Amino acid sequence: MVVKTQSKGRGVTALNVGMANVQRYFPHGTSTIDLEIDHLQIQCMLGPEFWEGQPEILDPRLCAWLEQKQFHSKNQRDPLSLTLTPSGKNSYRLCMTPTHVQTHAKVKLVPTAA
């Protein structure tokens, strides 16, 4: 699933999952999830607001990781798109989404008559 960063103020960035993703990928009422980011495994709390229209994951360790990724992005003001993949029961892997898919088209050059 594709998720986006969401600024919650200076130095605080949350992960906005989206209500459609919550309904599809998260067992209702789950209070914690395990989140794998790079080499870290963290457990994040999901408050009641997660299920009531504010589908955000907010954790200080996640925030620090997201801020670091946001800092290194081309446009620091735009939300980052990331991929959140289920990897077990209440467990997910968070990865950067490639922003540009490179395609290599072959171009055939034809000499023109002068």
PDB file of N, CA and C in Angstrom:
ATOM      1  N   MET A   1       0.848  -1.174   0.000  1.00  0.00           N
ATOM      2  CA  MET A   1       0.000   0.000   0.000  1.00  0.00           C
ATOM      3  C   MET A   1       0.888   1.230   0.000  1.00  0.00           C
ATOM      4  N   VAL A   2       0.432   2.272  -0.658  1.00  0.00           N
ATOM      5  CA  VAL A   2       1.183   3.524  -0.687  1.00  0.00           C
ATOM      6  C   VAL A   2       0.635   4.420   0.422  1.00  0.00           C
ATOM      7  N   VAL A   3       1.551   4.969   1.219  1.00  0.00           N
ATOM      8  CA  VAL A   3       1.208   5.867   2.318  1.00  0.00           C
ATOM      9  C   VAL A   3       2.028   7.141   2.154  1.00  0.00           C
ATOM     10  N   LYS A   4       1.661   8.196   2.883  1.00  0.00           N
ATOM     11  CA  LYS A   4       2.367   9.474   2.749  1.00  0.00           C
ATOM     12  C   LYS A   4       2.729  10.040   4.106  1.00  0.00           C
ATOM     13  N   THR A   5       3.799  10.843   4.091  1.00  0.00           N
ATOM     14  CA  THR A   5       4.161  11.567   5.306  1.00  0.00           C
ATOM     15  C   THR A   5       3.181  12.716   5.492  1.00  0.00           C
ATOM     16  N   GLN A   6       3.020  13.118   6.730  1.00  0.00           N
ATOM     17  CA  GLN A   6       2.152  14.247   7.049  1.00  0.00           C
ATOM     18  C   GLN A   6       2.804  15.061   8.149  1.00  0.00           C
ATOM     19  N   SER A   7       3.036  16.342   7.862  1.00  0.00           N
ATOM     20  CA  SER A   7       3.653  17.222   8.844  1.00  0.00           C
ATOM     21  C   SER A   7       2.658  17.553   9.946  1.00  0.00           C
ATOM     22  N   LYS A   8       3.104  17.401  11.176  1.00  0.00           N
ATOM     23  CA  LYS A   8       2.276  17.728  12.337  1.00  0.00           C
ATOM     24  C   LYS A   8       2.828  18.947  13.059  1.00  0.00           C
ATOM     25  N   GLY A   9       3.688  19.693  12.370  1.00  0.00           N
ATOM     26  CA  GLY A   9       4.337  20.849  12.982  1.00  0.00           C
ATOM     27  C   GLY A   9       5.836  20.706  12.855  1.00  0.00           C
ATOM     28  N   ARG A  10       6.528  21.710  13.286  1.00  0.00           N
ATOM     29  CA  ARG A  10       7.987  21.721  13.146  1.00  0.00           C
ATOM     30  C   ARG A  10       8.623  20.525  13.845  1.00  0.00           C
ATOM     31  N   GLY A  11       9.323  19.712  13.059  1.00  0.00           N
ATOM     32  CA  GLY A  11      10.044  18.579  13.615  1.00  0.00           C
ATOM     33  C   GLY A  11       9.205  17.368  13.964  1.00  0.00           C
ATOM     34  N   VAL A  12       7.925  17.362  13.595  1.00  0.00           N
ATOM     35  CA  VAL A  12       7.063  16.213  13.886  1.00  0.00           C
ATOM     36  C   VAL A  12       6.381  15.779  12.593  1.00  0.00           C
ATOM     37  N   THR A  13       6.701  14.566  12.172  1.00  0.00           N
ATOM     38  CA  THR A  13       6.128  14.027  10.953  1.00  0.00           C
ATOM     39  C   THR A  13       5.480  12.690  11.261  1.00  0.00           C
ATOM     40  N   ALA A  14       4.239  12.530  10.808  1.00  0.00           N
ATOM     41  CA  ALA A  14       3.497  11.287  11.015  1.00  0.00           C
ATOM     42  C   ALA A  14       3.401  10.542   9.687  1.00  0.00           C
ATOM     43  N   LEU A  15       2.943   9.327   9.757  1.00  0.00           N
ATOM     44  CA  LEU A  15       2.705   8.525   8.573  1.00  0.00           C
ATOM     45  C   LEU A  15       1.198   8.405   8.397  1.00  0.00           C
ATOM     46  N   ASN A  16       0.674   8.992   7.318  1.00  0.00           N
ATOM     47  CA  ASN A  16      -0.759   8.946   7.041  1.00  0.00           C
ATOM     48  C   ASN A  16      -1.047   7.719   6.191  1.00  0.00           C
ATOM     49  N   VAL A  17      -1.782   6.785   6.759  1.00  0.00           N
ATOM     50  CA  VAL A  17      -2.062   5.513   6.110  1.00  0.00           C
ATOM     51  C   VAL A  17      -3.270   5.612   5.180  1.00  0.00           C
ATOM     52  N   GLY A  18      -4.249   6.436   5.512  1.00  0.00           N
ATOM     53  CA  GLY A  18      -5.470   6.546   4.716  1.00  0.00           C
ATOM     54  C   GLY A  18      -6.519   5.566   5.215  1.00  0.00           C
ATOM     55  N   MET A  19      -7.758   6.007   5.282  1.00  0.00           N
ATOM     56  CA  MET A  19      -8.840   5.181   5.830  1.00  0.00           C
ATOM     57  C   MET A  19      -9.093   3.918   5.008  1.00  0.00           C
ATOM     58  N   ALA A  20      -8.972   4.011   3.680  1.00  0.00           N
ATOM     59  CA  ALA A  20      -9.188   2.815   2.855  1.00  0.00           C
ATOM     60  C   ALA A  20      -8.159   1.739   3.194  1.00  0.00           C
ATOM     61  N   ASN A  21      -6.906   2.131   3.405  1.00  0.00           N
ATOM     62  CA  ASN A  21      -5.858   1.178   3.781  1.00  0.00           C
ATOM     63  C   ASN A  21      -6.092   0.621   5.180  1.00  0.00           C
ATOM     64  N   VAL A  22      -6.550   1.475   6.089  1.00  0.00           N
ATOM     65  CA  VAL A  22      -6.842   1.004   7.454  1.00  0.00           C
ATOM     66  C   VAL A  22      -7.885  -0.098   7.391  1.00  0.00           C
ATOM     67  N   GLN A  23      -8.950   0.136   6.643  1.00  0.00           N
ATOM     68  CA  GLN A  23     -10.031  -0.840   6.565  1.00  0.00           C
ATOM     69  C   GLN A  23      -9.602  -2.127   5.869  1.00  0.00           C
ATOM     70  N   ARG A  24      -8.680  -2.009   4.932  1.00  0.00           N
ATOM     71  CA  ARG A  24      -8.270  -3.176   4.157  1.00  0.00           C
ATOM     72  C   ARG A  24      -7.138  -3.984   4.809  1.00  0.00           C
ATOM     73  N   TYR A  25      -6.162  -3.313   5.419  1.00  0.00           N
ATOM     74  CA  TYR A  25      -4.937  -3.983   5.847  1.00  0.00           C
ATOM     75  C   TYR A  25      -4.722  -4.087   7.357  1.00  0.00           C
ATOM     76  N   PHE A  26      -5.549  -3.428   8.158  1.00  0.00           N
ATOM     77  CA  PHE A  26      -5.332  -3.425   9.603  1.00  0.00           C
ATOM     78  C   PHE A  26      -6.523  -4.079  10.304  1.00  0.00           C
ATOM     79  N   PRO A  27      -6.271  -5.137  11.084  1.00  0.00           N
ATOM     80  CA  PRO A  27      -7.369  -5.749  11.839  1.00  0.00           C
ATOM     81  C   PRO A  27      -7.965  -4.725  12.813  1.00  0.00           C
ATOM     82  N   HIS A  28      -9.267  -4.539  12.746  1.00  0.00           N
ATOM     83  CA  HIS A  28      -9.932  -3.507  13.549  1.00  0.00           C
ATOM     84  C   HIS A  28      -9.650  -3.696  15.037  1.00  0.00           C
ATOM     85  N   GLY A  29      -9.328  -2.587  15.682  1.00  0.00           N
ATOM     86  CA  GLY A  29      -9.102  -2.583  17.120  1.00  0.00           C
ATOM     87  C   GLY A  29      -7.682  -2.917  17.548  1.00  0.00           C
ATOM     88  N   THR A  30      -6.809  -3.199  16.598  1.00  0.00           N
ATOM     89  CA  THR A  30      -5.415  -3.485  16.941  1.00  0.00           C
ATOM     90  C   THR A  30      -4.814  -2.267  17.639  1.00  0.00           C
ATOM     91  N   SER A  31      -4.148  -2.479  18.764  1.00  0.00           N
ATOM     92  CA  SER A  31      -3.614  -1.341  19.520  1.00  0.00           C
ATOM     93  C   SER A  31      -2.140  -1.070  19.233  1.00  0.00           C
ATOM     94  N   THR A  32      -1.409  -2.080  18.731  1.00  0.00           N
ATOM     95  CA  THR A  32       0.000  -1.887  18.387  1.00  0.00           C
ATOM     96  C   THR A  32       0.315  -2.637  17.093  1.00  0.00           C
ATOM     97  N   ILE A  33       1.305  -2.118  16.379  1.00  0.00           N
ATOM     98  CA  ILE A  33       1.836  -2.817  15.210  1.00  0.00           C
ATOM     99  C   ILE A  33       3.360  -2.836  15.311  1.00  0.00           C
ATOM    100  N   ASP A  34       3.951  -3.824  14.689  1.00  0.00           N
ATOM    101  CA  ASP A  34       5.406  -3.864  14.557  1.00  0.00           C
ATOM    102  C   ASP A  34       5.740  -3.265  13.206  1.00  0.00           C
ATOM    103  N   LEU A  35       6.705  -2.359  13.201  1.00  0.00           N
ATOM    104  CA  LEU A  35       7.076  -1.649  11.987  1.00  0.00           C
ATOM    105  C   LEU A  35       8.569  -1.827  11.739  1.00  0.00           C
ATOM    106  N   GLU A  36       8.908  -2.338  10.570  1.00  0.00           N
ATOM    107  CA  GLU A  36      10.304  -2.508  10.179  1.00  0.00           C
ATOM    108  C   GLU A  36      10.680  -1.362   9.254  1.00  0.00           C
ATOM    109  N   ILE A  37      11.671  -0.573   9.681  1.00  0.00           N
ATOM    110  CA  ILE A  37      12.173   0.532   8.865  1.00  0.00           C
ATOM    111  C   ILE A  37      13.688   0.413   8.804  1.00  0.00           C
ATOM    112  N   ASP A  38      14.189   0.265   7.580  1.00  0.00           N
ATOM    113  CA  ASP A  38      15.614   0.002   7.376  1.00  0.00           C
ATOM    114  C   ASP A  38      16.015  -1.192   8.248  1.00  0.00           C
ATOM    115  N   HIS A  39      16.960  -1.009   9.133  1.00  0.00           N
ATOM    116  CA  HIS A  39      17.432  -2.105   9.991  1.00  0.00           C
ATOM    117  C   HIS A  39      16.753  -2.119  11.361  1.00  0.00           C
ATOM    118  N   LEU A  40      15.785  -1.237  11.569  1.00  0.00           N
ATOM    119  CA  LEU A  40      15.122  -1.132  12.873  1.00  0.00           C
ATOM    120  C   LEU A  40      13.785  -1.867  12.886  1.00  0.00           C
ATOM    121  N   GLN A  41      13.443  -2.396  14.045  1.00  0.00           N
ATOM    122  CA  GLN A  41      12.123  -2.981  14.276  1.00  0.00           C
ATOM    123  C   GLN A  41      11.550  -2.240  15.478  1.00  0.00           C
ATOM    124  N   ILE A  42      10.447  -1.509  15.262  1.00  0.00           N
ATOM    125  CA  ILE A  42       9.847  -0.758  16.362  1.00  0.00           C
ATOM    126  C   ILE A  42       8.380  -1.152  16.511  1.00  0.00           C
ATOM    127  N   GLN A  43       7.872  -0.960  17.703  1.00  0.00           N
ATOM    128  CA  GLN A  43       6.462  -1.203  17.953  1.00  0.00           C
ATOM    129  C   GLN A  43       5.782   0.148  18.114  1.00  0.00           C
ATOM    130  N   CYS A  44       4.731   0.375  17.341  1.00  0.00           N
ATOM    131  CA  CYS A  44       4.012   1.653  17.355  1.00  0.00           C
ATOM    132  C   CYS A  44       2.601   1.454  17.890  1.00  0.00           C
ATOM    133  N   MET A  45       2.171   2.409  18.696  1.00  0.00           N
ATOM    134  CA  MET A  45       0.815   2.394  19.240  1.00  0.00           C
ATOM    135  C   MET A  45      -0.158   2.951  18.206  1.00  0.00           C
ATOM    136  N   LEU A  46      -1.349   2.383  18.159  1.00  0.00           N
ATOM    137  CA  LEU A  46      -2.436   2.909  17.334  1.00  0.00           C
ATOM    138  C   LEU A  46      -3.548   3.336  18.287  1.00  0.00           C
ATOM    139  N   GLY A  47      -3.740   4.643  18.391  1.00  0.00           N
ATOM    140  CA  GLY A  47      -4.761   5.163  19.290  1.00  0.00           C
ATOM    141  C   GLY A  47      -6.150   5.046  18.692  1.00  0.00           C
ATOM    142  N   PRO A  48      -7.164   5.352  19.481  1.00  0.00           N
ATOM    143  CA  PRO A  48      -8.550   5.278  18.992  1.00  0.00           C
ATOM    144  C   PRO A  48      -8.783   6.155  17.763  1.00  0.00           C
ATOM    145  N   GLU A  49      -8.074   7.288  17.675  1.00  0.00           N
ATOM    146  CA  GLU A  49      -8.249   8.187  16.533  1.00  0.00           C
ATOM    147  C   GLU A  49      -7.824   7.538  15.217  1.00  0.00           C
ATOM    148  N   PHE A  50      -6.921   6.539  15.285  1.00  0.00           N
ATOM    149  CA  PHE A  50      -6.496   5.812  14.085  1.00  0.00           C
ATOM    150  C   PHE A  50      -7.703   5.161  13.409  1.00  0.00           C
ATOM    151  N   TRP A  51      -8.650   4.704  14.220  1.00  0.00           N
ATOM    152  CA  TRP A  51      -9.836   4.006  13.715  1.00  0.00           C
ATOM    153  C   TRP A  51     -11.007   4.951  13.475  1.00  0.00           C
ATOM    154  N   GLU A  52     -10.863   6.211  13.895  1.00  0.00           N
ATOM    155  CA  GLU A  52     -11.982   7.154  13.841  1.00  0.00           C
ATOM    156  C   GLU A  52     -11.725   8.326  12.910  1.00  0.00           C
ATOM    157  N   GLY A  53     -11.048   8.082  11.789  1.00  0.00           N
ATOM    158  CA  GLY A  53     -10.908   9.128  10.786  1.00  0.00           C
ATOM    159  C   GLY A  53      -9.574   9.851  10.754  1.00  0.00           C
ATOM    160  N   GLN A  54      -8.643   9.532  11.656  1.00  0.00           N
ATOM    161  CA  GLN A  54      -7.298  10.107  11.635  1.00  0.00           C
ATOM    162  C   GLN A  54      -6.294   8.961  11.570  1.00  0.00           C
ATOM    163  N   PRO A  55      -6.164   8.352  10.385  1.00  0.00           N
ATOM    164  CA  PRO A  55      -5.339   7.149  10.246  1.00  0.00           C
ATOM    165  C   PRO A  55      -3.844   7.453  10.160  1.00  0.00           C
ATOM    166  N   GLU A  56      -3.296   7.935  11.265  1.00  0.00           N
ATOM    167  CA  GLU A  56      -1.887   8.323  11.305  1.00  0.00           C
ATOM    168  C   GLU A  56      -1.129   7.471  12.312  1.00  0.00           C
ATOM    169  N   ILE A  57       0.088   7.122  11.944  1.00  0.00           N
ATOM    170  CA  ILE A  57       0.992   6.445  12.869  1.00  0.00           C
ATOM    171  C   ILE A  57       2.013   7.489  13.297  1.00  0.00           C
ATOM    172  N   LEU A  58       2.076   7.723  14.597  1.00  0.00           N
ATOM    173  CA  LEU A  58       2.953   8.757  15.138  1.00  0.00           C
ATOM    174  C   LEU A  58       3.770   8.149  16.279  1.00  0.00           C
ATOM    175  N   ASP A  59       5.061   8.071  16.067  1.00  0.00           N
ATOM    176  CA  ASP A  59       5.979   7.493  17.039  1.00  0.00           C
ATOM    177  C   ASP A  59       7.278   8.291  16.941  1.00  0.00           C
ATOM    178  N   PRO A  60       7.934   8.618  18.051  1.00  0.00           N
ATOM    179  CA  PRO A  60       9.159   9.426  17.989  1.00  0.00           C
ATOM    180  C   PRO A  60      10.264   8.822  17.110  1.00  0.00           C
ATOM    181  N   ARG A  61      10.435   7.501  17.145  1.00  0.00           N
ATOM    182  CA  ARG A  61      11.477   6.860  16.320  1.00  0.00           C
ATOM    183  C   ARG A  61      11.105   6.908  14.846  1.00  0.00           C
ATOM    184  N   LEU A  62       9.839   6.666  14.551  1.00  0.00           N
ATOM    185  CA  LEU A  62       9.355   6.768  13.177  1.00  0.00           C
ATOM    186  C   LEU A  62       9.472   8.200  12.683  1.00  0.00           C
ATOM    187  N   CYS A  63       9.109   9.144  13.529  1.00  0.00           N
ATOM    188  CA  CYS A  63       9.198  10.572  13.200  1.00  0.00           C
ATOM    189  C   CYS A  63      10.628  10.955  12.830  1.00  0.00           C
ATOM    190  N   ALA A  64      11.600  10.512  13.615  1.00  0.00           N
ATOM    191  CA  ALA A  64      13.009  10.833  13.346  1.00  0.00           C
ATOM    192  C   ALA A  64      13.442  10.246  11.999  1.00  0.00           C
ATOM    193  N   TRP A  65      13.020   9.026  11.714  1.00  0.00           N
ATOM    194  CA  TRP A  65      13.370   8.383  10.447  1.00  0.00           C
ATOM    195  C   TRP A  65      12.730   9.129   9.270  1.00  0.00           C
ATOM    196  N   LEU A  66      11.451   9.471   9.408  1.00  0.00           N
ATOM    197  CA  LEU A  66      10.749  10.201   8.354  1.00  0.00           C
ATOM    198  C   LEU A  66      11.354  11.584   8.130  1.00  0.00           C
ATOM    199  N   GLU A  67      11.705  12.278   9.211  1.00  0.00           N
ATOM    200  CA  GLU A  67      12.328  13.600   9.094  1.00  0.00           C
ATOM    201  C   GLU A  67      13.660  13.511   8.351  1.00  0.00           C
ATOM    202  N   GLN A  68      14.431  12.473   8.633  1.00  0.00           N
ATOM    203  CA  GLN A  68      15.716  12.289   7.964  1.00  0.00           C
ATOM    204  C   GLN A  68      15.504  12.032   6.470  1.00  0.00           C
ATOM    205  N   LYS A  69      14.533  11.226   6.120  1.00  0.00           N
ATOM    206  CA  LYS A  69      14.239  10.945   4.711  1.00  0.00           C
ATOM    207  C   LYS A  69      13.696  12.198   4.024  1.00  0.00           C
ATOM    208  N   GLN A  70      12.854  12.942   4.713  1.00  0.00           N
ATOM    209  CA  GLN A  70      12.279  14.184   4.168  1.00  0.00           C
ATOM    210  C   GLN A  70      13.385  15.198   3.907  1.00  0.00           C
ATOM    211  N   PHE A  71      14.361  15.278   4.815  1.00  0.00           N
ATOM    212  CA  PHE A  71      15.468  16.221   4.686  1.00  0.00           C
ATOM    213  C   PHE A  71      16.289  15.943   3.433  1.00  0.00           C
ATOM    214  N   HIS A  72      16.413  14.672   3.088  1.00  0.00           N
ATOM    215  CA  HIS A  72      17.221  14.294   1.931  1.00  0.00           C
ATOM    216  C   HIS A  72      16.427  14.239   0.630  1.00  0.00           C
ATOM    217  N   SER A  73      15.145  14.571   0.667  1.00  0.00           N
ATOM    218  CA  SER A  73      14.345  14.554  -0.554  1.00  0.00           C
ATOM    219  C   SER A  73      14.577  15.836  -1.346  1.00  0.00           C
ATOM    220  N   LYS A  74      14.199  15.805  -2.613  1.00  0.00           N
ATOM    221  CA  LYS A  74      14.409  16.960  -3.490  1.00  0.00           C
ATOM    222  C   LYS A  74      13.603  18.168  -3.028  1.00  0.00           C
ATOM    223  N   ASN A  75      12.347  17.956  -2.686  1.00  0.00           N
ATOM    224  CA  ASN A  75      11.502  19.050  -2.225  1.00  0.00           C
ATOM    225  C   ASN A  75      11.034  18.720  -0.814  1.00  0.00           C
ATOM    226  N   GLN A  76      11.636  19.365   0.162  1.00  0.00           N
ATOM    227  CA  GLN A  76      11.378  19.042   1.563  1.00  0.00           C
ATOM    228  C   GLN A  76       9.970  19.405   2.022  1.00  0.00           C
ATOM    229  N   ARG A  77       9.253  20.198   1.256  1.00  0.00           N
ATOM    230  CA  ARG A  77       7.908  20.608   1.679  1.00  0.00           C
ATOM    231  C   ARG A  77       6.833  19.625   1.237  1.00  0.00           C
ATOM    232  N   ASP A  78       7.090  18.879   0.175  1.00  0.00           N
ATOM    233  CA  ASP A  78       6.100  17.937  -0.324  1.00  0.00           C
ATOM    234  C   ASP A  78       6.094  16.675   0.527  1.00  0.00           C
ATOM    235  N   PRO A  79       4.906  16.080   0.715  1.00  0.00           N
ATOM    236  CA  PRO A  79       4.862  14.806   1.429  1.00  0.00           C
ATOM    237  C   PRO A  79       5.606  13.731   0.634  1.00  0.00           C
ATOM    238  N   LEU A  80       6.235  12.819   1.342  1.00  0.00           N
ATOM    239  CA  LEU A  80       6.903  11.691   0.702  1.00  0.00           C
ATOM    240  C   LEU A  80       5.913  10.549   0.559  1.00  0.00           C
ATOM    241  N   SER A  81       5.980   9.846  -0.546  1.00  0.00           N
ATOM    242  CA  SER A  81       5.218   8.616  -0.717  1.00  0.00           C
ATOM    243  C   SER A  81       6.112   7.458  -0.324  1.00  0.00           C
ATOM    244  N   LEU A  82       5.568   6.553   0.454  1.00  0.00           N
ATOM    245  CA  LEU A  82       6.302   5.383   0.910  1.00  0.00           C
ATOM    246  C   LEU A  82       5.444   4.146   0.696  1.00  0.00           C
ATOM    247  N   THR A  83       6.078   2.992   0.750  1.00  0.00           N
ATOM    248  CA  THR A  83       5.361   1.738   0.616  1.00  0.00           C
ATOM    249  C   THR A  83       5.320   1.050   1.976  1.00  0.00           C
ATOM    250  N   LEU A  84       4.127   0.684   2.403  1.00  0.00           N
ATOM    251  CA  LEU A  84       3.931  -0.042   3.653  1.00  0.00           C
ATOM    252  C   LEU A  84       3.386  -1.415   3.274  1.00  0.00           C
ATOM    253  N   THR A  85       4.183  -2.451   3.536  1.00  0.00           N
ATOM    254  CA  THR A  85       3.845  -3.799   3.113  1.00  0.00           C
ATOM    255  C   THR A  85       3.596  -4.687   4.321  1.00  0.00           C
ATOM    256  N   PRO A  86       2.442  -5.356   4.378  1.00  0.00           N
ATOM    257  CA  PRO A  86       2.232  -6.317   5.461  1.00  0.00           C
ATOM    258  C   PRO A  86       3.301  -7.408   5.399  1.00  0.00           C
ATOM    259  N   SER A  87       3.861  -7.764   6.574  1.00  0.00           N
ATOM    260  CA  SER A  87       4.920  -8.771   6.608  1.00  0.00           C
ATOM    261  C   SER A  87       4.678  -9.820   7.697  1.00  0.00           C
ATOM    262  N   GLY A  88       3.465  -9.902   8.185  1.00  0.00           N
ATOM    263  CA  GLY A  88       3.120 -10.859   9.233  1.00  0.00           C
ATOM    264  C   GLY A  88       1.929 -10.324  10.007  1.00  0.00           C
ATOM    265  N   LYS A  89       1.566 -11.017  11.079  1.00  0.00           N
ATOM    266  CA  LYS A  89       0.439 -10.573  11.896  1.00  0.00           C
ATOM    267  C   LYS A  89       0.782  -9.265  12.592  1.00  0.00           C
ATOM    268  N   ASN A  90       0.045  -8.206  12.268  1.00  0.00           N
ATOM    269  CA  ASN A  90       0.251  -6.865  12.833  1.00  0.00           C
ATOM    270  C   ASN A  90       1.685  -6.379  12.636  1.00  0.00           C
ATOM    271  N   SER A  91       2.296  -6.787  11.539  1.00  0.00           N
ATOM    272  CA  SER A  91       3.674  -6.430  11.239  1.00  0.00           C
ATOM    273  C   SER A  91       3.752  -5.898   9.803  1.00  0.00           C
ATOM    274  N   TYR A  92       4.521  -4.810   9.636  1.00  0.00           N
ATOM    275  CA  TYR A  92       4.598  -4.127   8.346  1.00  0.00           C
ATOM    276  C   TYR A  92       6.023  -3.668   8.091  1.00  0.00           C
ATOM    277  N   ARG A  93       6.388  -3.591   6.814  1.00  0.00           N
ATOM    278  CA  ARG A  93       7.701  -3.095   6.398  1.00  0.00           C
ATOM    279  C   ARG A  93       7.487  -1.776   5.667  1.00  0.00           C
ATOM    280  N   LEU A  94       8.212  -0.731   6.085  1.00  0.00           N
ATOM    281  CA  LEU A  94       8.105   0.592   5.483  1.00  0.00           C
ATOM    282  C   LEU A  94       9.336   0.857   4.631  1.00  0.00           C
ATOM    283  N   CYS A  95       9.125   1.210   3.358  1.00  0.00           N
ATOM    284  CA  CYS A  95      10.223   1.460   2.426  1.00  0.00           C
ATOM    285  C   CYS A  95       9.940   2.729   1.630  1.00  0.00           C
ATOM    286  N   MET A  96      11.011   3.344   1.173  1.00  0.00           N
ATOM    287  CA  MET A  96      10.879   4.486   0.281  1.00  0.00           C
ATOM    288  C   MET A  96      10.298   3.999  -1.046  1.00  0.00           C
ATOM    289  N   THR A  97       9.428   4.800  -1.650  1.00  0.00           N
ATOM    290  CA  THR A  97       8.857   4.488  -2.947  1.00  0.00           C
ATOM    291  C   THR A  97       9.711   5.158  -4.009  1.00  0.00           C
ATOM    292  N   PRO A  98      10.113   4.415  -5.046  1.00  0.00           N
ATOM    293  CA  PRO A  98      10.884   5.063  -6.107  1.00  0.00           C
ATOM    294  C   PRO A  98      10.058   6.191  -6.731  1.00  0.00           C
ATOM    295  N   THR A  99      10.652   7.368  -6.824  1.00  0.00           N
ATOM    296  CA  THR A  99       9.905   8.510  -7.354  1.00  0.00           C
ATOM    297  C   THR A  99       9.926   8.572  -8.865  1.00  0.00           C
ATOM    298  N   HIS A 100      10.947   8.023  -9.447  1.00  0.00           N
ATOM    299  CA  HIS A 100      11.039   8.048 -10.897  1.00  0.00           C
ATOM    300  C   HIS A 100      11.338   6.650 -11.396  1.00  0.00           C
ATOM    301  N   VAL A 101      10.502   6.167 -12.265  1.00  0.00           N
ATOM    302  CA  VAL A 101      10.767   4.881 -12.893  1.00  0.00           C
ATOM    303  C   VAL A 101      11.459   5.184 -14.209  1.00  0.00           C
ATOM    304  N   GLN A 102      12.676   4.683 -14.326  1.00  0.00           N
ATOM    305  CA  GLN A 102      13.435   4.958 -15.535  1.00  0.00           C
ATOM    306  C   GLN A 102      13.063   3.951 -16.602  1.00  0.00           C
ATOM    307  N   THR A 103      12.830   4.458 -17.787  1.00  0.00           N
ATOM    308  CA  THR A 103      12.574   3.593 -18.919  1.00  0.00           C
ATOM    309  C   THR A 103      13.647   3.850 -19.950  1.00  0.00           C
ATOM    310  N   HIS A 104      14.043   2.826 -20.570  1.00  0.00           N
ATOM    311  CA  HIS A 104      15.088   2.926 -21.580  1.00  0.00           C
ATOM    312  C   HIS A 104      14.486   2.549 -22.925  1.00  0.00           C
ATOM    313  N   ALA A 105      14.118   3.524 -23.688  1.00  0.00           N
ATOM    314  CA  ALA A 105      13.560   3.280 -25.009  1.00  0.00           C
ATOM    315  C   ALA A 105      14.680   3.330 -26.033  1.00  0.00           C
ATOM    316  N   LYS A 106      14.605   2.425 -26.973  1.00  0.00           N
ATOM    317  CA  LYS A 106      15.610   2.436 -28.035  1.00  0.00           C
ATOM    318  C   LYS A 106      15.166   3.425 -29.103  1.00  0.00           C
ATOM    319  N   VAL A 107      16.061   4.269 -29.462  1.00  0.00           N
ATOM    320  CA  VAL A 107      15.780   5.264 -30.499  1.00  0.00           C
ATOM    321  C   VAL A 107      16.598   4.882 -31.725  1.00  0.00           C
ATOM    322  N   LYS A 108      15.915   4.763 -32.836  1.00  0.00           N
ATOM    323  CA  LYS A 108      16.590   4.414 -34.065  1.00  0.00           C
ATOM    324  C   LYS A 108      16.846   5.688 -34.844  1.00  0.00           C
ATOM    325  N   LEU A 109      18.119   5.980 -35.072  1.00  0.00           N
ATOM    326  CA  LEU A 109      18.485   7.172 -35.827  1.00  0.00           C
ATOM    327  C   LEU A 109      18.556   6.814 -37.316  1.00  0.00           C
ATOM    328  N   VAL A 110      17.862   7.582 -38.085  1.00  0.00           N
ATOM    329  CA  VAL A 110      17.849   7.369 -39.522  1.00  0.00           C
ATOM    330  C   VAL A 110      18.520   8.563 -40.169  1.00  0.00           C
ATOM    331  N   PRO A 111      19.581   8.315 -40.949  1.00  0.00           N
ATOM    332  CA  PRO A 111      20.241   9.459 -41.605  1.00  0.00           C
ATOM    333  C   PRO A 111      19.310  10.113 -42.622  1.00  0.00           C
ATOM    334  N   THR A 112      19.371  11.378 -42.678  1.00  0.00           N
ATOM    335  CA  THR A 112      18.551  12.137 -43.644  1.00  0.00           C
ATOM    336  C   THR A 112      19.373  12.452 -44.885  1.00  0.00           C
ATOM    337  N   ALA A 113      18.700  12.493 -45.992  1.00  0.00           N
ATOM    338  CA  ALA A 113      19.391  12.840 -47.253  1.00  0.00           C
ATOM    339  C   ALA A 113      19.529  14.346 -47.320  1.00  0.00           C
ATOM    340  N   ALA A 114      20.719  14.791 -47.715  1.00  0.00           N
ATOM    341  CA  ALA A 114      20.978  16.224 -47.788  1.00  0.00           C
ATOM    342  C   ALA A 114      20.582  16.773 -49.126  1.00  0.00           C
TER     343      ALA A 114
END
